[in-house]
Amino acid sequence: MARKKTFEVVDNETIGDCLARIDEEGYRPVKRVEKPIFTEDREQNVTVKAQKIVFEAVAKD
């Protein structure tokens, strides 16, 4: 069974930088997940504050 690891695109990093980091660590991305981060104001209006991008990767053979 392949080893799995998740990689998150951190602040001040592009998606390309994250993919390069995944490759340098010897992994291959297999899935991309975008998770919204919500905020709520005093009137209970919900808005999207940011988008968190997470890659799931497996080890290269």
C-alpha atoms as a PDB file:
ATOM      1  CA  MET A   1       0.000   0.000   0.000  1.00  0.00           C
ATOM      2  CA  ALA A   2       1.293   3.451  -0.930  1.00  0.00           C
ATOM      3  CA  ARG A   3       2.288   5.915   1.758  1.00  0.00           C
ATOM      4  CA  LYS A   4      -0.034   8.927   1.867  1.00  0.00           C
ATOM      5  CA  LYS A   5       0.663  12.441   3.057  1.00  0.00           C
ATOM      6  CA  THR A   6      -1.224  15.743   2.920  1.00  0.00           C
ATOM      7  CA  PHE A   7       0.300  19.049   1.895  1.00  0.00           C
ATOM      8  CA  GLU A   8      -1.323  22.417   2.547  1.00  0.00           C
ATOM      9  CA  VAL A   9      -0.649  25.540   0.506  1.00  0.00           C
ATOM     10  CA  VAL A  10       0.658  27.900   3.187  1.00  0.00           C
ATOM     11  CA  ASP A  11       0.503  31.718   3.273  1.00  0.00           C
ATOM     12  CA  ASN A  12       2.748  33.469   0.720  1.00  0.00           C
ATOM     13  CA  GLU A  13       3.123  30.239  -1.294  1.00  0.00           C
ATOM     14  CA  THR A  14       1.746  29.605  -4.759  1.00  0.00           C
ATOM     15  CA  ILE A  15       0.174  26.345  -5.852  1.00  0.00           C
ATOM     16  CA  GLY A  16       3.202  25.785  -8.087  1.00  0.00           C
ATOM     17  CA  ASP A  17       5.535  26.212  -5.103  1.00  0.00           C
ATOM     18  CA  CYS A  18       3.526  23.660  -3.139  1.00  0.00           C
ATOM     19  CA  LEU A  19       3.587  21.189  -6.037  1.00  0.00           C
ATOM     20  CA  ALA A  20       7.375  21.632  -6.301  1.00  0.00           C
ATOM     21  CA  ARG A  21       7.678  20.948  -2.553  1.00  0.00           C
ATOM     22  CA  ILE A  22       5.589  17.783  -2.962  1.00  0.00           C
ATOM     23  CA  ASP A  23       7.878  16.613  -5.775  1.00  0.00           C
ATOM     24  CA  GLU A  24      11.044  17.399  -3.780  1.00  0.00           C
ATOM     25  CA  GLU A  25       9.809  15.224  -0.906  1.00  0.00           C
ATOM     26  CA  GLY A  26       9.276  12.307  -3.291  1.00  0.00           C
ATOM     27  CA  TYR A  27       5.485  12.372  -3.507  1.00  0.00           C
ATOM     28  CA  ARG A  28       2.971  12.601  -6.351  1.00  0.00           C
ATOM     29  CA  PRO A  29      -0.300  14.553  -5.901  1.00  0.00           C
ATOM     30  CA  VAL A  30      -3.454  12.495  -6.435  1.00  0.00           C
ATOM     31  CA  LYS A  31      -6.192  14.742  -5.069  1.00  0.00           C
ATOM     32  CA  ARG A  32      -6.794  18.459  -4.513  1.00  0.00           C
ATOM     33  CA  VAL A  33      -9.302  19.650  -1.905  1.00  0.00           C
ATOM     34  CA  GLU A  34     -10.412  23.251  -1.443  1.00  0.00           C
ATOM     35  CA  LYS A  35     -11.918  24.080   1.933  1.00  0.00           C
ATOM     36  CA  PRO A  36     -13.552  27.472   2.500  1.00  0.00           C
ATOM     37  CA  ILE A  37     -12.885  29.356   5.729  1.00  0.00           C
ATOM     38  CA  PHE A  38     -15.976  31.252   6.873  1.00  0.00           C
ATOM     39  CA  THR A  39     -16.427  34.295   9.103  1.00  0.00           C
ATOM     40  CA  GLU A  40     -19.565  35.540  10.788  1.00  0.00           C
ATOM     41  CA  ASP A  41     -20.327  39.172  11.659  1.00  0.00           C
ATOM     42  CA  ARG A  42     -22.587  40.608  14.365  1.00  0.00           C
ATOM     43  CA  GLU A  43     -25.696  40.294  12.206  1.00  0.00           C
ATOM     44  CA  GLN A  44     -24.846  36.605  11.694  1.00  0.00           C
ATOM     45  CA  ASN A  45     -24.045  37.076   8.020  1.00  0.00           C
ATOM     46  CA  VAL A  46     -21.670  34.353   6.915  1.00  0.00           C
ATOM     47  CA  THR A  47     -19.010  35.186   4.326  1.00  0.00           C
ATOM     48  CA  VAL A  48     -16.062  33.291   2.895  1.00  0.00           C
ATOM     49  CA  LYS A  49     -12.851  34.710   4.356  1.00  0.00           C
ATOM     50  CA  ALA A  50     -10.302  32.538   2.569  1.00  0.00           C
ATOM     51  CA  GLN A  51      -9.827  29.304   0.688  1.00  0.00           C
ATOM     52  CA  LYS A  52      -7.536  26.595   2.108  1.00  0.00           C
ATOM     53  CA  ILE A  53      -6.047  24.284  -0.531  1.00  0.00           C
ATOM     54  CA  VAL A  54      -4.852  20.832   0.533  1.00  0.00           C
ATOM     55  CA  PHE A  55      -3.207  18.231  -1.689  1.00  0.00           C
ATOM     56  CA  GLU A  56      -3.277  14.526  -0.902  1.00  0.00           C
ATOM     57  CA  ALA A  57      -0.182  12.790  -2.241  1.00  0.00           C
ATOM     58  CA  VAL A  58       1.272   9.278  -2.438  1.00  0.00           C
ATOM     59  CA  ALA A  59       4.927   8.267  -2.436  1.00  0.00           C
ATOM     60  CA  LYS A  60       6.573   7.789  -5.816  1.00  0.00           C
ATOM     61  CA  ASP A  61       7.702   4.262  -6.573  1.00  0.00           C
END
